[in-house]
Amino acid sequence: MKKHIKLLKYLGLWVVLFFGFPKNAQAVVPPDFIYNIGSQVIQIFSITFLFLMAALSGVSQFIKFRFASWRANKFFWPISVLLIIILSFGAAYLYGLIRKNQEYGRWLKESQAQEGKSLAEVGDNLGVKDDALDQCFVS
């Protein structure tokens, strides 16, 4: 019984707080607060960019050294051209596959939307007259 009374007190408090103050607080954020947030975001990006550039500098030095040793190999240029061609065909194939799936999904949605309509309504949506539909589907 004590638990129910305690629960009712908390519920009553929430009801009073919720319904007792129905007006929205229409406060405007001070401009200096917005400016401070903006400057902090810029500082975070600057520090991140600084560490990223330091890491990339080390990686570029390593790649430059390795590239000089790979370039001395007589198979470097044919392998590079072959790799570029393989990557190009692979990217084109993946792009075509993704576009095909997108178009199939769009067609599937449209066909499901048209499923409950009569043949005449579908023809009207496509801009085809009833006579042309009758000629197409006469057996």
Protein backbone atom coordinates (compact mmCIF):
# COMPACT_ATOMS: atom_id res chain seq x y z
CA MET A 1 0.00 0.00 0.00
CA LYS A 2 2.89 2.36 0.81
CA LYS A 3 4.38 1.69 -2.61
CA HIS A 4 1.12 2.70 -4.28
CA ILE A 5 0.97 5.95 -2.31
CA LYS A 6 4.59 6.73 -3.16
CA LEU A 7 3.92 5.97 -6.83
CA LEU A 8 0.83 8.21 -6.79
CA LYS A 9 2.89 11.05 -5.26
CA TYR A 10 5.49 10.79 -8.03
CA LEU A 11 2.77 10.51 -10.66
CA GLY A 12 0.99 13.54 -9.20
CA LEU A 13 4.24 15.51 -9.21
CA TRP A 14 4.83 14.66 -12.88
CA VAL A 15 1.25 15.60 -13.79
CA VAL A 16 1.61 18.96 -12.01
CA LEU A 17 4.98 19.64 -13.67
CA PHE A 18 3.76 18.53 -17.08
CA PHE A 19 0.38 20.27 -17.12
CA GLY A 20 1.23 23.12 -14.72
CA PHE A 21 3.70 24.76 -17.09
CA PRO A 22 2.13 24.47 -20.54
CA LYS A 23 3.95 27.37 -22.18
CA ASN A 24 6.99 26.63 -24.28
CA ALA A 25 10.19 28.39 -23.40
CA GLN A 26 11.02 30.49 -26.44
CA ALA A 27 14.57 31.32 -25.59
CA VAL A 28 17.11 32.52 -28.09
CA VAL A 29 20.58 31.06 -27.91
CA PRO A 30 23.11 33.84 -27.30
CA PRO A 31 25.36 34.54 -30.31
CA ASP A 32 28.56 34.14 -28.29
CA PHE A 33 27.50 30.58 -27.40
CA ILE A 34 27.05 29.74 -31.09
CA TYR A 35 30.39 31.38 -31.91
CA ASN A 36 32.15 29.38 -29.17
CA ILE A 37 30.73 26.10 -30.46
CA GLY A 38 31.78 26.99 -33.99
CA SER A 39 35.32 27.82 -32.93
CA GLN A 40 35.59 24.58 -30.94
CA VAL A 41 34.47 22.56 -33.95
CA ILE A 42 37.06 24.34 -36.10
CA GLN A 43 39.76 23.60 -33.51
CA ILE A 44 38.83 19.91 -33.39
CA PHE A 45 38.97 19.67 -37.19
CA SER A 46 42.30 21.53 -37.23
CA ILE A 47 43.91 19.18 -34.72
CA THR A 48 42.48 16.13 -36.51
CA PHE A 49 43.76 17.47 -39.84
CA LEU A 50 47.19 18.10 -38.31
CA PHE A 51 47.53 14.51 -37.04
CA LEU A 52 46.15 13.12 -40.30
CA MET A 53 48.68 15.09 -42.35
CA ALA A 54 51.52 13.95 -40.12
CA ALA A 55 50.48 10.32 -40.60
CA LEU A 56 50.07 10.76 -44.35
CA SER A 57 53.48 12.40 -44.58
CA GLY A 58 55.10 9.32 -43.09
CA VAL A 59 53.10 7.02 -45.33
CA SER A 60 53.97 9.08 -48.42
CA GLN A 61 57.69 8.84 -47.62
CA PHE A 62 57.37 5.07 -47.30
CA ILE A 63 55.45 4.80 -50.58
CA LYS A 64 57.93 7.07 -52.37
CA PHE A 65 60.78 4.80 -51.31
CA ARG A 66 58.89 1.64 -52.28
CA PHE A 67 57.72 3.15 -55.58
CA ALA A 68 61.32 3.81 -56.62
CA SER A 69 62.19 0.16 -56.03
CA TRP A 70 59.04 -1.07 -57.84
CA ARG A 71 59.67 1.26 -60.77
CA ALA A 72 63.02 -0.38 -61.38
CA ASN A 73 61.16 -3.65 -62.04
CA LYS A 74 60.53 -4.26 -65.77
CA PHE A 75 57.00 -5.56 -65.12
CA PHE A 76 55.84 -2.41 -63.33
CA TRP A 77 54.16 -0.62 -66.26
CA PRO A 78 52.34 -3.64 -67.77
CA ILE A 79 51.07 -4.68 -64.34
CA SER A 80 49.94 -1.09 -63.62
CA VAL A 81 48.01 -0.85 -66.90
CA LEU A 82 46.44 -4.28 -66.34
CA LEU A 83 45.45 -3.32 -62.80
CA ILE A 84 43.81 -0.09 -64.00
CA ILE A 85 41.86 -1.98 -66.68
CA ILE A 86 40.70 -4.65 -64.21
CA LEU A 87 39.62 -2.01 -61.69
CA SER A 88 37.75 -0.08 -64.40
CA PHE A 89 35.83 -3.14 -65.57
CA GLY A 90 35.07 -4.15 -61.99
CA ALA A 91 33.78 -0.67 -61.13
CA ALA A 92 31.63 -0.57 -64.28
CA TYR A 93 30.18 -4.00 -63.51
CA LEU A 94 29.39 -3.07 -59.90
CA TYR A 95 27.84 0.24 -60.97
CA GLY A 96 25.64 -1.54 -63.51
CA LEU A 97 24.61 -4.12 -60.93
CA ILE A 98 23.70 -1.46 -58.38
CA ARG A 99 21.74 0.60 -60.93
CA LYS A 100 19.91 -2.53 -62.13
CA ASN A 101 18.87 -3.37 -58.58
CA GLN A 102 17.72 0.21 -57.96
CA GLU A 103 15.63 0.26 -61.12
CA TYR A 104 14.18 -3.16 -60.33
CA GLY A 105 13.20 -1.94 -56.86
CA ARG A 106 11.57 1.17 -58.34
CA TRP A 107 9.71 -0.92 -60.91
CA LEU A 108 8.59 -3.35 -58.20
CA LYS A 109 7.17 -0.52 -56.07
CA GLU A 110 5.35 0.95 -59.06
CA SER A 111 3.94 -2.40 -60.12
CA GLN A 112 2.72 -3.13 -56.60
CA ALA A 113 1.04 0.26 -56.54
CA GLN A 114 -0.66 -0.50 -59.87
CA GLU A 115 -1.65 -4.05 -58.89
CA GLY A 116 -5.13 -3.23 -57.62
CA LYS A 117 -6.08 -1.02 -60.56
CA SER A 118 -8.03 -2.10 -63.58
CA LEU A 119 -6.50 -2.34 -67.04
CA ALA A 120 -8.21 0.86 -68.17
CA GLU A 121 -6.84 2.82 -65.20
CA VAL A 122 -3.33 1.58 -65.96
CA GLY A 123 -3.75 2.60 -69.59
CA ASP A 124 -4.96 6.06 -68.54
CA ASN A 125 -1.88 6.49 -66.35
CA LEU A 126 0.36 5.47 -69.24
CA GLY A 127 -1.43 7.76 -71.70
CA VAL A 128 -2.77 4.88 -73.80
CA LYS A 129 -6.35 4.96 -75.11
CA ASP A 130 -8.81 2.13 -74.42
CA ASP A 131 -8.89 1.03 -78.07
CA ALA A 132 -5.15 0.46 -78.12
CA LEU A 133 -5.37 -1.60 -74.92
CA ASP A 134 -8.17 -3.71 -76.36
CA GLN A 135 -6.10 -4.41 -79.46
CA CYS A 136 -3.07 -5.39 -77.38
CA PHE A 137 -4.85 -7.86 -75.15
CA VAL A 138 -7.37 -9.45 -77.51
CA SER A 139 -6.59 -13.12 -77.94
